[in-house]
Amino acid sequence: MTDRGSLTVRGIGDSYRPGAVYDMGVTLQSEHLKNGGFQMTAQFEDGSQAGKFEWESGRLRLTPSISDTVQYLQHTREGTVLAGRR
């Protein structure tokens, strides 16, 4: 049996509340993973940006879309280091 791993995003509510702050976390796990990372965005159904991202770590950065209307949060090079291997 192959370990396909898992991706978990915590802190997302069932619905968007304007002005609310969400403390989120992303965990990527696999027994065979050597490097890992992610990219995410928050958008309304019409494709426009929903809120903004803020973080306190050098492990993340914002990447604008081609149109500069939607922001994507993604890992930095430091953010690809496996937990316990820093």
N, C-alpha and C. Protein backbone atom coordinates (compact mmCIF):
# COMPACT_ATOMS: atom_id res chain seq x y z
N MET A 1 0.84 -1.18 0.00
CA MET A 1 0.00 0.00 0.00
C MET A 1 0.89 1.25 0.00
N THR A 2 0.59 2.21 -0.81
CA THR A 2 1.35 3.44 -0.93
C THR A 2 0.79 4.51 -0.01
N ASP A 3 1.69 5.20 0.71
CA ASP A 3 1.28 6.33 1.55
C ASP A 3 1.13 7.55 0.65
N ARG A 4 -0.07 7.96 0.42
CA ARG A 4 -0.32 9.12 -0.43
C ARG A 4 -0.21 10.42 0.34
N GLY A 5 -0.19 10.36 1.66
CA GLY A 5 -0.04 11.56 2.46
C GLY A 5 -1.36 12.28 2.66
N SER A 6 -1.26 13.47 3.26
CA SER A 6 -2.46 14.26 3.53
C SER A 6 -2.12 15.74 3.56
N LEU A 7 -3.11 16.54 3.27
CA LEU A 7 -3.03 17.99 3.36
C LEU A 7 -4.16 18.45 4.25
N THR A 8 -3.83 19.19 5.29
CA THR A 8 -4.84 19.68 6.23
C THR A 8 -4.73 21.19 6.34
N VAL A 9 -5.86 21.87 6.21
CA VAL A 9 -5.93 23.32 6.44
C VAL A 9 -6.85 23.52 7.63
N ARG A 10 -6.33 24.12 8.69
CA ARG A 10 -7.15 24.35 9.88
C ARG A 10 -7.49 25.83 9.99
N GLY A 11 -8.58 26.11 10.66
CA GLY A 11 -8.95 27.49 10.95
C GLY A 11 -9.91 28.14 9.98
N ILE A 12 -10.39 27.40 8.99
CA ILE A 12 -11.33 27.96 8.03
C ILE A 12 -12.74 27.68 8.51
N GLY A 13 -13.56 28.70 8.58
CA GLY A 13 -14.94 28.53 9.02
C GLY A 13 -15.83 28.01 7.90
N ASP A 14 -17.08 27.77 8.23
CA ASP A 14 -18.04 27.29 7.23
C ASP A 14 -18.46 28.38 6.25
N SER A 15 -18.32 29.64 6.67
CA SER A 15 -18.70 30.74 5.79
C SER A 15 -17.81 31.94 6.07
N TYR A 16 -17.72 32.84 5.09
CA TYR A 16 -16.91 34.05 5.19
C TYR A 16 -17.66 35.10 5.99
N ARG A 17 -16.97 35.74 6.92
CA ARG A 17 -17.54 36.85 7.69
C ARG A 17 -16.66 38.08 7.45
N PRO A 18 -17.18 39.13 6.81
CA PRO A 18 -16.38 40.33 6.55
C PRO A 18 -15.79 40.89 7.84
N GLY A 19 -14.50 41.20 7.80
CA GLY A 19 -13.82 41.78 8.96
C GLY A 19 -13.31 40.76 9.97
N ALA A 20 -13.69 39.50 9.82
CA ALA A 20 -13.25 38.47 10.76
C ALA A 20 -11.79 38.12 10.50
N VAL A 21 -11.08 37.69 11.56
CA VAL A 21 -9.70 37.24 11.45
C VAL A 21 -9.69 35.73 11.63
N TYR A 22 -9.05 35.03 10.72
CA TYR A 22 -8.97 33.58 10.78
C TYR A 22 -7.51 33.18 11.04
N ASP A 23 -7.27 32.45 12.11
CA ASP A 23 -5.94 31.93 12.43
C ASP A 23 -5.84 30.57 11.75
N MET A 24 -5.12 30.53 10.64
CA MET A 24 -5.09 29.33 9.82
C MET A 24 -3.73 28.64 9.89
N GLY A 25 -3.73 27.37 9.59
CA GLY A 25 -2.50 26.60 9.50
C GLY A 25 -2.62 25.57 8.40
N VAL A 26 -1.50 25.28 7.75
CA VAL A 26 -1.46 24.29 6.67
C VAL A 26 -0.45 23.22 7.06
N THR A 27 -0.87 21.96 7.00
CA THR A 27 0.03 20.85 7.29
C THR A 27 0.00 19.88 6.13
N LEU A 28 1.17 19.57 5.60
CA LEU A 28 1.34 18.62 4.52
C LEU A 28 2.16 17.47 5.08
N GLN A 29 1.59 16.26 5.06
CA GLN A 29 2.27 15.10 5.65
C GLN A 29 2.33 13.94 4.67
N SER A 30 3.50 13.31 4.65
CA SER A 30 3.68 12.08 3.89
C SER A 30 4.95 11.41 4.39
N GLU A 31 4.89 10.14 4.55
CA GLU A 31 6.05 9.38 5.01
C GLU A 31 7.21 9.51 4.03
N HIS A 32 6.92 9.70 2.75
CA HIS A 32 7.94 9.72 1.71
C HIS A 32 8.27 11.12 1.20
N LEU A 33 7.75 12.15 1.83
CA LEU A 33 7.94 13.52 1.38
C LEU A 33 9.36 14.00 1.67
N LYS A 34 10.03 14.54 0.65
CA LYS A 34 11.37 15.11 0.84
C LYS A 34 11.31 16.63 0.92
N ASN A 35 10.44 17.24 0.16
CA ASN A 35 10.17 18.68 0.19
C ASN A 35 8.68 18.86 0.06
N GLY A 36 8.18 19.97 0.55
CA GLY A 36 6.75 20.21 0.42
C GLY A 36 6.46 21.71 0.42
N GLY A 37 5.33 22.07 -0.09
CA GLY A 37 4.93 23.46 -0.12
C GLY A 37 3.48 23.58 -0.56
N PHE A 38 3.01 24.81 -0.62
CA PHE A 38 1.62 25.05 -1.01
C PHE A 38 1.47 26.44 -1.57
N GLN A 39 0.35 26.67 -2.20
CA GLN A 39 -0.07 27.99 -2.64
C GLN A 39 -1.57 28.05 -2.45
N MET A 40 -2.06 29.16 -1.90
CA MET A 40 -3.51 29.28 -1.68
C MET A 40 -3.95 30.72 -1.91
N THR A 41 -5.23 30.88 -2.14
CA THR A 41 -5.84 32.19 -2.28
C THR A 41 -7.21 32.16 -1.63
N ALA A 42 -7.79 33.32 -1.44
CA ALA A 42 -9.15 33.43 -0.92
C ALA A 42 -9.94 34.29 -1.90
N GLN A 43 -10.96 33.69 -2.50
CA GLN A 43 -11.73 34.40 -3.52
C GLN A 43 -13.22 34.20 -3.31
N PHE A 44 -13.97 35.22 -3.73
CA PHE A 44 -15.42 35.10 -3.78
C PHE A 44 -15.80 34.30 -5.02
N GLU A 45 -17.05 33.90 -5.13
CA GLU A 45 -17.51 33.12 -6.28
C GLU A 45 -17.28 33.83 -7.60
N ASP A 46 -17.26 35.17 -7.60
CA ASP A 46 -17.03 35.91 -8.85
C ASP A 46 -15.54 36.02 -9.19
N GLY A 47 -14.67 35.44 -8.37
CA GLY A 47 -13.24 35.45 -8.64
C GLY A 47 -12.48 36.60 -8.02
N SER A 48 -13.17 37.55 -7.38
CA SER A 48 -12.48 38.68 -6.76
C SER A 48 -11.86 38.27 -5.42
N GLN A 49 -10.87 39.03 -4.98
CA GLN A 49 -10.15 38.74 -3.73
C GLN A 49 -11.10 38.83 -2.54
N ALA A 50 -11.00 37.86 -1.65
CA ALA A 50 -11.79 37.86 -0.41
C ALA A 50 -10.82 38.06 0.74
N GLY A 51 -10.76 39.25 1.28
CA GLY A 51 -9.90 39.54 2.42
C GLY A 51 -8.44 39.67 2.04
N LYS A 52 -7.57 39.58 3.05
CA LYS A 52 -6.13 39.69 2.82
C LYS A 52 -5.41 38.73 3.75
N PHE A 53 -4.17 38.40 3.41
CA PHE A 53 -3.36 37.50 4.22
C PHE A 53 -2.34 38.30 5.02
N GLU A 54 -2.13 37.91 6.25
CA GLU A 54 -1.08 38.46 7.10
C GLU A 54 -0.41 37.30 7.81
N TRP A 55 0.89 37.39 8.04
CA TRP A 55 1.62 36.30 8.69
C TRP A 55 2.82 36.88 9.42
N GLU A 56 3.40 36.08 10.30
CA GLU A 56 4.51 36.53 11.15
C GLU A 56 5.79 35.74 10.89
N SER A 57 5.87 35.00 9.83
CA SER A 57 6.99 34.11 9.60
C SER A 57 7.65 34.39 8.26
N GLY A 58 8.95 34.12 8.16
CA GLY A 58 9.65 34.23 6.90
C GLY A 58 9.42 33.02 6.01
N ARG A 59 8.52 32.14 6.44
CA ARG A 59 8.26 30.90 5.70
C ARG A 59 7.17 31.08 4.64
N LEU A 60 6.59 32.29 4.56
CA LEU A 60 5.49 32.56 3.62
C LEU A 60 5.74 33.86 2.87
N ARG A 61 5.09 34.01 1.70
CA ARG A 61 5.15 35.25 0.94
C ARG A 61 3.91 35.37 0.06
N LEU A 62 3.61 36.59 -0.37
CA LEU A 62 2.50 36.82 -1.29
C LEU A 62 3.02 36.86 -2.71
N THR A 63 2.24 36.29 -3.60
CA THR A 63 2.54 36.32 -5.03
C THR A 63 1.29 36.84 -5.73
N PRO A 64 1.38 37.99 -6.41
CA PRO A 64 0.19 38.49 -7.11
C PRO A 64 -0.11 37.66 -8.35
N SER A 65 -1.35 37.69 -8.77
CA SER A 65 -1.73 37.00 -10.01
C SER A 65 -1.29 37.85 -11.20
N ILE A 66 -1.42 37.32 -12.37
CA ILE A 66 -1.05 38.04 -13.59
C ILE A 66 -1.82 39.35 -13.68
N SER A 67 -3.07 39.34 -13.27
CA SER A 67 -3.90 40.54 -13.35
C SER A 67 -3.71 41.47 -12.16
N ASP A 68 -2.93 41.04 -11.15
CA ASP A 68 -2.69 41.80 -9.91
C ASP A 68 -3.96 42.06 -9.11
N THR A 69 -5.04 41.33 -9.40
CA THR A 69 -6.28 41.54 -8.65
C THR A 69 -6.48 40.50 -7.56
N VAL A 70 -5.75 39.39 -7.63
CA VAL A 70 -5.88 38.32 -6.64
C VAL A 70 -4.49 38.00 -6.11
N GLN A 71 -4.38 37.86 -4.80
CA GLN A 71 -3.11 37.51 -4.18
C GLN A 71 -3.09 36.03 -3.82
N TYR A 72 -1.92 35.43 -3.99
CA TYR A 72 -1.71 34.04 -3.62
C TYR A 72 -0.67 33.99 -2.51
N LEU A 73 -0.97 33.25 -1.47
CA LEU A 73 -0.03 33.04 -0.37
C LEU A 73 0.67 31.73 -0.64
N GLN A 74 1.99 31.72 -0.55
CA GLN A 74 2.73 30.49 -0.80
C GLN A 74 3.95 30.41 0.10
N HIS A 75 4.55 29.24 0.11
CA HIS A 75 5.74 29.00 0.90
C HIS A 75 6.94 29.71 0.30
N THR A 76 7.91 30.04 1.13
CA THR A 76 9.21 30.50 0.66
C THR A 76 10.13 29.28 0.61
N ARG A 77 11.36 29.47 0.22
CA ARG A 77 12.32 28.35 0.22
C ARG A 77 12.45 27.79 1.63
N GLU A 78 12.52 28.68 2.62
CA GLU A 78 12.59 28.24 4.03
C GLU A 78 11.35 27.43 4.40
N GLY A 79 10.20 27.79 3.82
CA GLY A 79 8.95 27.12 4.13
C GLY A 79 8.83 25.72 3.55
N THR A 80 9.79 25.30 2.73
CA THR A 80 9.73 23.95 2.18
C THR A 80 10.49 22.94 3.04
N VAL A 81 11.20 23.44 4.07
CA VAL A 81 11.98 22.56 4.94
C VAL A 81 11.03 21.73 5.80
N LEU A 82 11.27 20.44 5.85
CA LEU A 82 10.43 19.56 6.63
C LEU A 82 10.53 19.85 8.12
N ALA A 83 9.42 19.76 8.83
CA ALA A 83 9.41 19.94 10.28
C ALA A 83 10.40 18.98 10.91
N GLY A 84 11.18 19.45 11.86
CA GLY A 84 12.15 18.61 12.52
C GLY A 84 13.49 18.54 11.79
N ARG A 85 13.61 19.19 10.62
CA ARG A 85 14.87 19.16 9.86
C ARG A 85 15.46 20.55 9.69
N ARG A 86 15.07 21.50 10.48
CA ARG A 86 15.56 22.87 10.34
C ARG A 86 16.96 23.02 10.85
